[in-house]
Amino acid sequence: MASLTSRRVSEVLLALAGACFLVGMIVTVADVILRAVANRNVPAAIELTSLSIGLGAILSIPVCYGKRAHVTAKLLSEVSPARFSEPLGVVGGLASVVFALMLFWIAVQDALSRMGSPETTADLGLSRSVAAWVVTAALAAGPVAAVVALWSFARARRVWE
């Protein structure tokens, strides 16, 4: 059941991330075409592209943790896989949990500092406070996914026994 749930959550996050990347791509292509054809631009194109691609990247982070697809150095595990794969897997998983928690904590602190602020984005006029909370909510999935991935790895390899 847990793997089905995590797979569904991963699919939803990837779909949302893909939609964000698609929006960024469409805005960029439309802006380039409009500049070439009519010597005009899409209003707020740079801000729209930046926000959508940035949110897409943030939504992809928990999926990478969940699939244990983050970048790791394989120097030692390639030399002696039987000896190093489990300890490095645990160390990498723990590092992922710590990093995800730190990233989430920083986002929470930023969102709290912006609460009630009248600041808005330059071109779209979006509330920076709301944007910070959207990013924080997206980053909240990171520590959960990292812990689930570490737990699954440890259980599958019976590391704790």
Foldseek 3Di string as FASTA:
>chain_A
DVVVVVVVLLVVLLVQLVVLQVQLVVQVVVQVVCCVPPVDGDFCNVVSNVLSNVSSVLSNQLSCLLVVVDDDDCPVCVVPVVPPVVVSLLVVLVVQLVVLVVVLVVLVVVLVVQPPPCDADDGPRHRVNVSSVSSSVSSVSRNVSSVVNSVVSCVVVVVVD
